[in-house]
Amino acid sequence: HESVREPFDFYEFGKRFFAPMVDLEKSVVMHEDRLTTITEQLAAGDNVVLFANHQIEPDPTVLSLLLDTSYPELCPKMISVAGDRVTTDPMAAPMSMGRNLLCIFSKRHIENPPELMNEKKAHNQRAMRKLSELMAEG
């Protein structure tokens, strides 16, 4: 889904929610030269893919807290790939609404419950087609 910014701005809501938990004065953003390169590549219409190992729900929001001041165009346009829980968990869902997401069902959850397996596989196929379309667009 696309980030919901109106009539309520869930992107800013997530930042306000997590801001007290992040000590921005002591936080360090390393390799800013790479972020500059990334913004230049995106401006040229290129795709940039960032991989994270076992991302947790607040990661995209924390990135926004750390990067929005210096790179205001980067995080609002970022698309995250996440498990289905980010849209169904009562705590995660409001934060996820502020993010551009492609949701997939993991191998661990796709067969549970068994009667939804085909529907979940079809959903994953649609999500992967959408990802392919987005990559082709640049």
C-alpha atoms as a PDB file:
ATOM      1  CA  HIS A   1       0.000   0.000   0.000  1.00  0.00           C
ATOM      2  CA  GLU A   2       0.984   3.622  -0.366  1.00  0.00           C
ATOM      3  CA  SER A   3       1.767   5.860   2.567  1.00  0.00           C
ATOM      4  CA  VAL A   4      -1.317   7.552   4.026  1.00  0.00           C
ATOM      5  CA  ARG A   5      -0.533  11.258   4.442  1.00  0.00           C
ATOM      6  CA  GLU A   6      -4.097  12.688   4.361  1.00  0.00           C
ATOM      7  CA  PRO A   7      -6.460  13.399   6.018  1.00  0.00           C
ATOM      8  CA  PHE A   8      -4.188  12.140   8.826  1.00  0.00           C
ATOM      9  CA  ASP A   9      -0.423  12.037   8.260  1.00  0.00           C
ATOM     10  CA  PHE A  10       0.621   8.576   9.467  1.00  0.00           C
ATOM     11  CA  TYR A  11       4.195   9.212   8.281  1.00  0.00           C
ATOM     12  CA  GLU A  12       4.632  12.122  10.682  1.00  0.00           C
ATOM     13  CA  PHE A  13       2.632  10.300  13.372  1.00  0.00           C
ATOM     14  CA  GLY A  14       5.162   7.455  13.325  1.00  0.00           C
ATOM     15  CA  LYS A  15       8.043   9.903  13.598  1.00  0.00           C
ATOM     16  CA  ARG A  16       6.419  11.704  16.537  1.00  0.00           C
ATOM     17  CA  PHE A  17       5.681   8.378  18.238  1.00  0.00           C
ATOM     18  CA  PHE A  18       9.265   7.074  18.003  1.00  0.00           C
ATOM     19  CA  ALA A  19      11.141  10.376  18.386  1.00  0.00           C
ATOM     20  CA  PRO A  20      11.349  10.186  22.209  1.00  0.00           C
ATOM     21  CA  MET A  21      13.023   6.772  21.879  1.00  0.00           C
ATOM     22  CA  VAL A  22      15.819   7.985  19.604  1.00  0.00           C
ATOM     23  CA  ASP A  23      18.625  10.129  21.001  1.00  0.00           C
ATOM     24  CA  LEU A  24      19.325  12.176  17.887  1.00  0.00           C
ATOM     25  CA  GLU A  25      22.180  14.068  19.546  1.00  0.00           C
ATOM     26  CA  LYS A  26      24.082  10.830  20.143  1.00  0.00           C
ATOM     27  CA  SER A  27      22.951   9.045  16.985  1.00  0.00           C
ATOM     28  CA  VAL A  28      25.426   8.769  14.148  1.00  0.00           C
ATOM     29  CA  VAL A  29      24.689   8.398  10.458  1.00  0.00           C
ATOM     30  CA  MET A  30      27.704   6.791   8.865  1.00  0.00           C
ATOM     31  CA  HIS A  31      28.760   6.818   5.215  1.00  0.00           C
ATOM     32  CA  GLU A  32      26.760   9.912   4.291  1.00  0.00           C
ATOM     33  CA  ASP A  33      28.643   9.944   0.998  1.00  0.00           C
ATOM     34  CA  ARG A  34      26.653   6.826   0.086  1.00  0.00           C
ATOM     35  CA  LEU A  35      23.404   8.599   0.911  1.00  0.00           C
ATOM     36  CA  THR A  36      24.420  11.455  -1.361  1.00  0.00           C
ATOM     37  CA  THR A  37      25.148   8.942  -4.121  1.00  0.00           C
ATOM     38  CA  ILE A  38      21.790   7.248  -3.525  1.00  0.00           C
ATOM     39  CA  THR A  39      19.878  10.537  -3.821  1.00  0.00           C
ATOM     40  CA  GLU A  40      21.760  11.361  -7.031  1.00  0.00           C
ATOM     41  CA  GLN A  41      20.980   7.931  -8.484  1.00  0.00           C
ATOM     42  CA  LEU A  42      17.309   8.264  -7.596  1.00  0.00           C
ATOM     43  CA  ALA A  43      17.177  11.744  -9.124  1.00  0.00           C
ATOM     44  CA  ALA A  44      18.580  10.223 -12.326  1.00  0.00           C
ATOM     45  CA  GLY A  45      15.734   7.682 -12.375  1.00  0.00           C
ATOM     46  CA  ASP A  46      17.792   4.731 -11.204  1.00  0.00           C
ATOM     47  CA  ASN A  47      16.623   2.108  -8.728  1.00  0.00           C
ATOM     48  CA  VAL A  48      18.375   1.708  -5.399  1.00  0.00           C
ATOM     49  CA  VAL A  49      17.816  -1.359  -3.244  1.00  0.00           C
ATOM     50  CA  LEU A  50      18.801  -1.416   0.422  1.00  0.00           C
ATOM     51  CA  PHE A  51      18.846  -4.759   2.186  1.00  0.00           C
ATOM     52  CA  ALA A  52      18.295  -5.205   5.907  1.00  0.00           C
ATOM     53  CA  ASN A  53      18.625  -8.421   7.835  1.00  0.00           C
ATOM     54  CA  HIS A  54      15.364  -9.138   9.656  1.00  0.00           C
ATOM     55  CA  GLN A  55      13.976  -5.637   9.632  1.00  0.00           C
ATOM     56  CA  ILE A  56      11.654  -4.728  12.490  1.00  0.00           C
ATOM     57  CA  GLU A  57       8.575  -2.564  12.150  1.00  0.00           C
ATOM     58  CA  PRO A  58      10.060   0.741  13.388  1.00  0.00           C
ATOM     59  CA  ASP A  59      13.172   0.607  11.195  1.00  0.00           C
ATOM     60  CA  PRO A  60      11.784   2.730   8.321  1.00  0.00           C
ATOM     61  CA  THR A  61      10.471   5.292  10.810  1.00  0.00           C
ATOM     62  CA  VAL A  62      13.790   5.487  12.639  1.00  0.00           C
ATOM     63  CA  LEU A  63      15.506   5.990   9.272  1.00  0.00           C
ATOM     64  CA  SER A  64      13.151   8.906   8.684  1.00  0.00           C
ATOM     65  CA  LEU A  65      14.055  10.420  12.038  1.00  0.00           C
ATOM     66  CA  LEU A  66      17.742  10.157  11.191  1.00  0.00           C
ATOM     67  CA  LEU A  67      17.624  11.195   7.529  1.00  0.00           C
ATOM     68  CA  ASP A  68      14.643  13.467   6.824  1.00  0.00           C
ATOM     69  CA  THR A  69      16.469  16.678   7.790  1.00  0.00           C
ATOM     70  CA  SER A  70      19.433  16.122   5.456  1.00  0.00           C
ATOM     71  CA  TYR A  71      17.709  13.984   2.813  1.00  0.00           C
ATOM     72  CA  PRO A  72      14.049  15.072   2.848  1.00  0.00           C
ATOM     73  CA  GLU A  73      13.095  13.254  -0.375  1.00  0.00           C
ATOM     74  CA  LEU A  74      14.602   9.865   0.493  1.00  0.00           C
ATOM     75  CA  CYS A  75      12.479   8.209   3.188  1.00  0.00           C
ATOM     76  CA  PRO A  76       9.020   9.469   2.182  1.00  0.00           C
ATOM     77  CA  LYS A  77       9.492   7.790  -1.211  1.00  0.00           C
ATOM     78  CA  MET A  78      11.129   4.618   0.107  1.00  0.00           C
ATOM     79  CA  ILE A  79       9.242   1.357  -0.405  1.00  0.00           C
ATOM     80  CA  SER A  80       9.728  -1.339   2.203  1.00  0.00           C
ATOM     81  CA  VAL A  81       9.014  -5.022   1.797  1.00  0.00           C
ATOM     82  CA  ALA A  82       7.450  -6.439   4.937  1.00  0.00           C
ATOM     83  CA  GLY A  83       5.600  -9.429   6.257  1.00  0.00           C
ATOM     84  CA  ASP A  84       1.830  -9.362   6.502  1.00  0.00           C
ATOM     85  CA  ARG A  85       1.938  -8.764  10.255  1.00  0.00           C
ATOM     86  CA  VAL A  86       2.707  -5.076   9.755  1.00  0.00           C
ATOM     87  CA  THR A  87      -0.833  -4.597   8.445  1.00  0.00           C
ATOM     88  CA  THR A  88      -2.638  -6.845  10.937  1.00  0.00           C
ATOM     89  CA  ASP A  89      -0.871  -6.285  14.259  1.00  0.00           C
ATOM     90  CA  PRO A  90      -2.706  -3.559  16.242  1.00  0.00           C
ATOM     91  CA  MET A  91       0.563  -1.885  17.296  1.00  0.00           C
ATOM     92  CA  ALA A  92       2.342  -2.153  13.953  1.00  0.00           C
ATOM     93  CA  ALA A  93      -0.537  -1.259  11.626  1.00  0.00           C
ATOM     94  CA  PRO A  94      -0.762   2.491  12.431  1.00  0.00           C
ATOM     95  CA  MET A  95       2.996   2.889  11.913  1.00  0.00           C
ATOM     96  CA  SER A  96       2.861   0.884   8.693  1.00  0.00           C
ATOM     97  CA  MET A  97       0.130   3.122   7.302  1.00  0.00           C
ATOM     98  CA  GLY A  98       2.714   5.897   7.070  1.00  0.00           C
ATOM     99  CA  ARG A  99       4.969   3.775   4.871  1.00  0.00           C
ATOM    100  CA  ASN A 100       4.989   2.689   1.256  1.00  0.00           C
ATOM    101  CA  LEU A 101       4.857  -1.091   1.595  1.00  0.00           C
ATOM    102  CA  LEU A 102       4.854  -4.260  -0.387  1.00  0.00           C
ATOM    103  CA  CYS A 103       3.599  -6.941   1.975  1.00  0.00           C
ATOM    104  CA  ILE A 104       4.321 -10.626   1.538  1.00  0.00           C
ATOM    105  CA  PHE A 105       3.522 -13.788   3.440  1.00  0.00           C
ATOM    106  CA  SER A 106       6.677 -15.538   4.639  1.00  0.00           C
ATOM    107  CA  LYS A 107       7.376 -19.206   4.032  1.00  0.00           C
ATOM    108  CA  ARG A 108       6.775 -19.781   7.724  1.00  0.00           C
ATOM    109  CA  HIS A 109       3.263 -18.310   7.632  1.00  0.00           C
ATOM    110  CA  ILE A 110       2.040 -19.043   4.133  1.00  0.00           C
ATOM    111  CA  GLU A 111       0.608 -22.474   5.022  1.00  0.00           C
ATOM    112  CA  ASN A 112      -1.154 -21.369   8.190  1.00  0.00           C
ATOM    113  CA  PRO A 113      -4.098 -21.714   8.035  1.00  0.00           C
ATOM    114  CA  PRO A 114      -4.003 -24.250   5.185  1.00  0.00           C
ATOM    115  CA  GLU A 115      -7.285 -23.086   3.660  1.00  0.00           C
ATOM    116  CA  LEU A 116      -5.758 -19.643   2.949  1.00  0.00           C
ATOM    117  CA  MET A 117      -2.532 -20.919   1.400  1.00  0.00           C
ATOM    118  CA  ASN A 118      -3.622 -20.434  -2.236  1.00  0.00           C
ATOM    119  CA  GLU A 119      -4.922 -16.946  -1.496  1.00  0.00           C
ATOM    120  CA  LYS A 120      -1.653 -16.030   0.233  1.00  0.00           C
ATOM    121  CA  LYS A 121       0.415 -17.412  -2.654  1.00  0.00           C
ATOM    122  CA  ALA A 122      -1.658 -15.386  -5.113  1.00  0.00           C
ATOM    123  CA  HIS A 123      -1.100 -12.287  -2.960  1.00  0.00           C
ATOM    124  CA  ASN A 124       2.663 -12.893  -2.986  1.00  0.00           C
ATOM    125  CA  GLN A 125       2.632 -13.270  -6.756  1.00  0.00           C
ATOM    126  CA  ARG A 126       0.777  -9.948  -7.111  1.00  0.00           C
ATOM    127  CA  ALA A 127       3.284  -8.274  -4.770  1.00  0.00           C
ATOM    128  CA  MET A 128       6.229  -9.609  -6.783  1.00  0.00           C
ATOM    129  CA  ARG A 129       4.615  -8.432 -10.049  1.00  0.00           C
ATOM    130  CA  LYS A 130       4.176  -4.990  -8.504  1.00  0.00           C
ATOM    131  CA  LEU A 131       7.822  -4.984  -7.410  1.00  0.00           C
ATOM    132  CA  SER A 132       8.862  -5.900 -10.952  1.00  0.00           C
ATOM    133  CA  GLU A 133       6.706  -3.072 -12.365  1.00  0.00           C
ATOM    134  CA  LEU A 134       8.193  -0.575  -9.912  1.00  0.00           C
ATOM    135  CA  MET A 135      11.732  -1.644 -10.799  1.00  0.00           C
ATOM    136  CA  ALA A 136      10.943  -1.267 -14.498  1.00  0.00           C
ATOM    137  CA  GLU A 137       9.597   2.261 -13.872  1.00  0.00           C
ATOM    138  CA  GLY A 138      12.796   3.301 -12.102  1.00  0.00           C
END
